[in-house]
C-alpha atoms as a PDB file:
ATOM      1  CA  MET A   1      27.465  16.476  34.004  1.00  0.00           C
ATOM      2  CA  VAL A   2      25.383  13.672  32.920  1.00  0.00           C
ATOM      3  CA  LYS A   3      23.679  14.108  29.268  1.00  0.00           C
ATOM      4  CA  ILE A   4      19.921  13.700  29.038  1.00  0.00           C
ATOM      5  CA  LEU A   5      18.263  13.174  25.856  1.00  0.00           C
ATOM      6  CA  ALA A   6      14.778  14.649  25.570  1.00  0.00           C
ATOM      7  CA  ASP A   7      11.716  12.504  25.317  1.00  0.00           C
ATOM      8  CA  ASP A   8      10.253  14.167  22.334  1.00  0.00           C
ATOM      9  CA  ASN A   9       7.066  12.757  20.311  1.00  0.00           C
ATOM     10  CA  SER A  10       7.439  15.809  17.771  1.00  0.00           C
ATOM     11  CA  GLY A  11       6.702  14.745  14.399  1.00  0.00           C
ATOM     12  CA  ASP A  12       8.046  17.552  12.701  1.00  0.00           C
ATOM     13  CA  ASP A  13       9.703  16.664   9.072  1.00  0.00           C
ATOM     14  CA  LYS A  14       8.880  12.818   9.932  1.00  0.00           C
ATOM     15  CA  ARG A  15       8.267  10.545   7.041  1.00  0.00           C
ATOM     16  CA  ILE A  16       6.300   7.637   8.407  1.00  0.00           C
ATOM     17  CA  GLY A  17       5.336   3.884   6.905  1.00  0.00           C
ATOM     18  CA  ILE A  18       2.327   2.425   8.226  1.00  0.00           C
ATOM     19  CA  ALA A  19       1.290  -1.692   7.636  1.00  0.00           C
ATOM     20  CA  VAL A  20      -2.030  -2.249   8.661  1.00  0.00           C
ATOM     21  CA  ALA A  21      -4.182  -5.691   8.117  1.00  0.00           C
ATOM     22  CA  ARG A  22      -7.104  -5.829   7.049  1.00  0.00           C
ATOM     23  CA  PHE A  23      -8.275  -8.993   9.120  1.00  0.00           C
ATOM     24  CA  ASN A  24     -10.570  -8.039  11.853  1.00  0.00           C
ATOM     25  CA  GLU A  25     -10.734  -4.587   9.867  1.00  0.00           C
ATOM     26  CA  VAL A  26     -13.521  -3.534  11.901  1.00  0.00           C
ATOM     27  CA  VAL A  27     -10.672  -2.953  14.747  1.00  0.00           C
ATOM     28  CA  THR A  28      -7.893  -2.097  12.563  1.00  0.00           C
ATOM     29  CA  GLU A  29      -9.400   0.679  11.100  1.00  0.00           C
ATOM     30  CA  ARG A  30     -10.175   2.314  14.142  1.00  0.00           C
ATOM     31  CA  ILE A  31      -6.495   1.757  15.655  1.00  0.00           C
ATOM     32  CA  LEU A  32      -5.313   3.242  12.295  1.00  0.00           C
ATOM     33  CA  GLU A  33      -7.502   6.577  12.374  1.00  0.00           C
ATOM     34  CA  GLY A  34      -6.129   6.787  16.421  1.00  0.00           C
ATOM     35  CA  ALA A  35      -2.543   6.463  14.951  1.00  0.00           C
ATOM     36  CA  LEU A  36      -2.989   9.217  11.901  1.00  0.00           C
ATOM     37  CA  GLN A  37      -4.830  11.129  14.693  1.00  0.00           C
ATOM     38  CA  THR A  38      -2.070  11.229  16.671  1.00  0.00           C
ATOM     39  CA  LEU A  39       0.493  12.000  13.772  1.00  0.00           C
ATOM     40  CA  ARG A  40      -1.032  14.911  12.720  1.00  0.00           C
ATOM     41  CA  GLU A  41      -1.553  16.183  16.157  1.00  0.00           C
ATOM     42  CA  GLN A  42       2.117  15.736  16.593  1.00  0.00           C
ATOM     43  CA  GLY A  43       2.921  17.902  13.495  1.00  0.00           C
ATOM     44  CA  VAL A  44       3.413  14.974  10.731  1.00  0.00           C
ATOM     45  CA  SER A  45       2.370  16.307   7.332  1.00  0.00           C
ATOM     46  CA  GLU A  46      -0.044  13.963   5.393  1.00  0.00           C
ATOM     47  CA  ASP A  47       2.070  13.903   2.512  1.00  0.00           C
ATOM     48  CA  ASN A  48       4.985  12.303   4.686  1.00  0.00           C
ATOM     49  CA  VAL A  49       2.560   9.053   5.415  1.00  0.00           C
ATOM     50  CA  THR A  50       2.112   5.950   3.850  1.00  0.00           C
ATOM     51  CA  VAL A  51      -0.488   3.760   4.624  1.00  0.00           C
ATOM     52  CA  THR A  52      -0.555   0.344   2.920  1.00  0.00           C
ATOM     53  CA  TRP A  53      -2.728  -2.636   3.617  1.00  0.00           C
ATOM     54  CA  VAL A  54      -2.169  -5.930   3.752  1.00  0.00           C
ATOM     55  CA  PRO A  55      -4.550  -9.294   4.248  1.00  0.00           C
ATOM     56  CA  GLY A  56      -3.733 -10.528   7.866  1.00  0.00           C
ATOM     57  CA  ALA A  57      -0.925  -9.946  10.888  1.00  0.00           C
ATOM     58  CA  PHE A  58       1.316 -12.724   9.611  1.00  0.00           C
ATOM     59  CA  GLU A  59       2.153 -10.492   6.636  1.00  0.00           C
ATOM     60  CA  LEU A  60       2.794  -7.320   8.758  1.00  0.00           C
ATOM     61  CA  PRO A  61       6.886  -7.974   9.234  1.00  0.00           C
ATOM     62  CA  THR A  62       6.784  -8.002   5.761  1.00  0.00           C
ATOM     63  CA  ALA A  63       5.347  -5.171   4.545  1.00  0.00           C
ATOM     64  CA  CYS A  64       7.568  -3.341   7.241  1.00  0.00           C
ATOM     65  CA  ARG A  65      10.762  -4.744   6.056  1.00  0.00           C
ATOM     66  CA  TRP A  66       9.754  -3.455   2.221  1.00  0.00           C
ATOM     67  CA  LEU A  67       8.606   0.028   3.545  1.00  0.00           C
ATOM     68  CA  ALA A  68      11.504   0.204   5.626  1.00  0.00           C
ATOM     69  CA  GLN A  69      13.907  -1.212   2.461  1.00  0.00           C
ATOM     70  CA  THR A  70      12.793   1.881   0.525  1.00  0.00           C
ATOM     71  CA  GLY A  71      14.301   4.113   2.473  1.00  0.00           C
ATOM     72  CA  ASP A  72      12.170   6.772   2.598  1.00  0.00           C
ATOM     73  CA  PHE A  73      10.636   6.255   6.232  1.00  0.00           C
ATOM     74  CA  ASP A  74      11.875   7.346   9.546  1.00  0.00           C
ATOM     75  CA  ALA A  75      10.043   5.113  11.541  1.00  0.00           C
ATOM     76  CA  VAL A  76       7.090   2.347  10.723  1.00  0.00           C
ATOM     77  CA  ILE A  77       4.292   1.449  12.373  1.00  0.00           C
ATOM     78  CA  MET A  78       2.597  -2.062  12.675  1.00  0.00           C
ATOM     79  CA  LEU A  79      -1.211  -1.880  13.158  1.00  0.00           C
ATOM     80  CA  GLY A  80      -3.133  -5.483  13.293  1.00  0.00           C
ATOM     81  CA  ALA A  81      -6.012  -7.319  15.637  1.00  0.00           C
ATOM     82  CA  ILE A  82      -5.247 -10.939  16.781  1.00  0.00           C
ATOM     83  CA  VAL A  83      -8.330 -12.236  18.455  1.00  0.00           C
ATOM     84  CA  ARG A  84      -8.143 -16.050  19.791  1.00  0.00           C
ATOM     85  CA  GLY A  85     -10.272 -18.828  18.150  1.00  0.00           C
ATOM     86  CA  GLY A  86     -10.631 -22.294  19.247  1.00  0.00           C
ATOM     87  CA  THR A  87      -7.128 -23.064  17.914  1.00  0.00           C
ATOM     88  CA  ASP A  88      -3.483 -22.673  18.793  1.00  0.00           C
ATOM     89  CA  HIS A  89      -3.429 -20.736  15.708  1.00  0.00           C
ATOM     90  CA  TYR A  90      -3.504 -17.437  17.555  1.00  0.00           C
ATOM     91  CA  ASP A  91      -0.189 -18.561  19.127  1.00  0.00           C
ATOM     92  CA  TYR A  92       1.234 -18.918  16.261  1.00  0.00           C
ATOM     93  CA  VAL A  93       0.498 -15.750  14.916  1.00  0.00           C
ATOM     94  CA  CYS A  94       1.216 -13.634  17.953  1.00  0.00           C
ATOM     95  CA  SER A  95       4.633 -15.429  17.713  1.00  0.00           C
ATOM     96  CA  GLY A  96       5.191 -14.715  14.438  1.00  0.00           C
ATOM     97  CA  VAL A  97       4.199 -11.404  14.584  1.00  0.00           C
ATOM     98  CA  THR A  98       5.827 -10.128  17.283  1.00  0.00           C
ATOM     99  CA  ASP A  99       9.013 -11.989  16.356  1.00  0.00           C
ATOM    100  CA  GLY A 100       8.778 -10.287  12.844  1.00  0.00           C
ATOM    101  CA  ALA A 101       8.328  -6.686  13.899  1.00  0.00           C
ATOM    102  CA  MET A 102      11.241  -7.164  16.403  1.00  0.00           C
ATOM    103  CA  ARG A 103      13.563  -8.871  13.579  1.00  0.00           C
ATOM    104  CA  VAL A 104      12.914  -5.972  11.047  1.00  0.00           C
ATOM    105  CA  GLN A 105      13.611  -3.029  13.541  1.00  0.00           C
ATOM    106  CA  LEU A 106      17.083  -4.545  14.719  1.00  0.00           C
ATOM    107  CA  ASP A 107      17.938  -5.755  11.286  1.00  0.00           C
ATOM    108  CA  LEU A 108      17.097  -2.387   9.524  1.00  0.00           C
ATOM    109  CA  ASP A 109      17.696   0.156  11.902  1.00  0.00           C
ATOM    110  CA  ILE A 110      14.029   1.252  12.019  1.00  0.00           C
ATOM    111  CA  PRO A 111      11.905   2.050  15.205  1.00  0.00           C
ATOM    112  CA  ILE A 112       8.825   0.617  14.589  1.00  0.00           C
ATOM    113  CA  GLY A 113       5.625   1.471  16.286  1.00  0.00           C
ATOM    114  CA  PHE A 114       3.939  -1.930  17.621  1.00  0.00           C
ATOM    115  CA  GLY A 115       0.389  -1.897  17.254  1.00  0.00           C
ATOM    116  CA  VAL A 116      -0.387  -5.223  17.063  1.00  0.00           C
ATOM    117  CA  LEU A 117      -3.029  -6.071  19.668  1.00  0.00           C
ATOM    118  CA  THR A 118      -3.232  -9.425  20.907  1.00  0.00           C
ATOM    119  CA  CYS A 119      -6.864 -10.303  22.913  1.00  0.00           C
ATOM    120  CA  ALA A 120      -8.469 -12.929  24.093  1.00  0.00           C
ATOM    121  CA  THR A 121     -12.318 -11.448  22.704  1.00  0.00           C
ATOM    122  CA  MET A 122     -13.169  -9.527  20.301  1.00  0.00           C
ATOM    123  CA  GLU A 123     -14.547  -7.088  23.131  1.00  0.00           C
ATOM    124  CA  LEU A 124     -11.009  -6.324  24.527  1.00  0.00           C
ATOM    125  CA  ALA A 125      -9.695  -5.494  21.157  1.00  0.00           C
ATOM    126  CA  LEU A 126     -12.615  -2.786  20.397  1.00  0.00           C
ATOM    127  CA  ALA A 127     -11.872  -1.602  23.865  1.00  0.00           C
ATOM    128  CA  ARG A 128      -8.256  -0.856  22.642  1.00  0.00           C
ATOM    129  CA  ALA A 129      -9.644   0.505  19.524  1.00  0.00           C
ATOM    130  CA  GLY A 130     -10.533   3.600  20.959  1.00  0.00           C
ATOM    131  CA  GLY A 131     -12.992   2.520  23.552  1.00  0.00           C
ATOM    132  CA  ASP A 132     -12.684   2.215  27.498  1.00  0.00           C
ATOM    133  CA  ALA A 133      -8.778   1.334  26.836  1.00  0.00           C
ATOM    134  CA  GLY A 134      -7.581   4.027  24.718  1.00  0.00           C
ATOM    135  CA  ASN A 135      -6.518   3.404  21.297  1.00  0.00           C
ATOM    136  CA  LYS A 136      -3.380   1.549  20.916  1.00  0.00           C
ATOM    137  CA  GLY A 137      -2.690   2.739  17.244  1.00  0.00           C
ATOM    138  CA  SER A 138      -2.327   6.503  19.096  1.00  0.00           C
ATOM    139  CA  ASP A 139       0.554   4.278  21.575  1.00  0.00           C
ATOM    140  CA  ALA A 140       2.224   2.778  18.738  1.00  0.00           C
ATOM    141  CA  ALA A 141       2.597   6.036  16.626  1.00  0.00           C
ATOM    142  CA  MET A 142       3.444   8.115  19.860  1.00  0.00           C
ATOM    143  CA  ALA A 143       6.239   5.209  20.398  1.00  0.00           C
ATOM    144  CA  ALA A 144       7.444   5.585  16.733  1.00  0.00           C
ATOM    145  CA  LEU A 145       7.961   9.091  16.979  1.00  0.00           C
ATOM    146  CA  ALA A 146       9.869   9.047  20.295  1.00  0.00           C
ATOM    147  CA  MET A 147      12.005   6.371  19.267  1.00  0.00           C
ATOM    148  CA  SER A 148      12.703   8.268  15.672  1.00  0.00           C
ATOM    149  CA  ASN A 149      13.581  11.121  17.399  1.00  0.00           C
ATOM    150  CA  LEU A 150      16.021   9.538  20.066  1.00  0.00           C
ATOM    151  CA  LYS A 151      17.764   7.956  16.829  1.00  0.00           C
ATOM    152  CA  SER A 152      17.981  11.311  14.979  1.00  0.00           C
ATOM    153  CA  GLN A 153      19.447  12.555  18.842  1.00  0.00           C
ATOM    154  CA  LEU A 154      22.188   9.565  18.751  1.00  0.00           C
ATOM    155  CA  ARG A 155      23.190   9.775  15.456  1.00  0.00           C
ATOM    156  CA  PRO A 156      22.977  13.427  14.133  1.00  0.00           C
END
């Protein structure tokens, strides 16, 4: 018989750390609110959520590492908004943040809900922060819960 693990986004008793970037705060505040709303809807107690602000997206992997290293969280959510400008800076920041997120979750064995927008324009970022394209903070929260619950099923 095939064993099928439940696709479970329940937040009951889950402890969640969130690192959010201040740069492009008009966007990141909205994706943070989307993440917090989703966590509430999924049953995560507000007492079990810790939010930490960092200057920009480039600092997010370090903050997530520090959150994970406390051992206090079942999952971490990384929220930021990187908007393309007129230089190559965008490419380097996107690459560094993405690689950093993967490294933290693999090195420290903790799920990271990746909610870092990488958009060509501010309009596209706002559309993904509660506009026409949904709220990617909410999506990151759902991914963090799903992966945390999968880990719990695999390692009781």
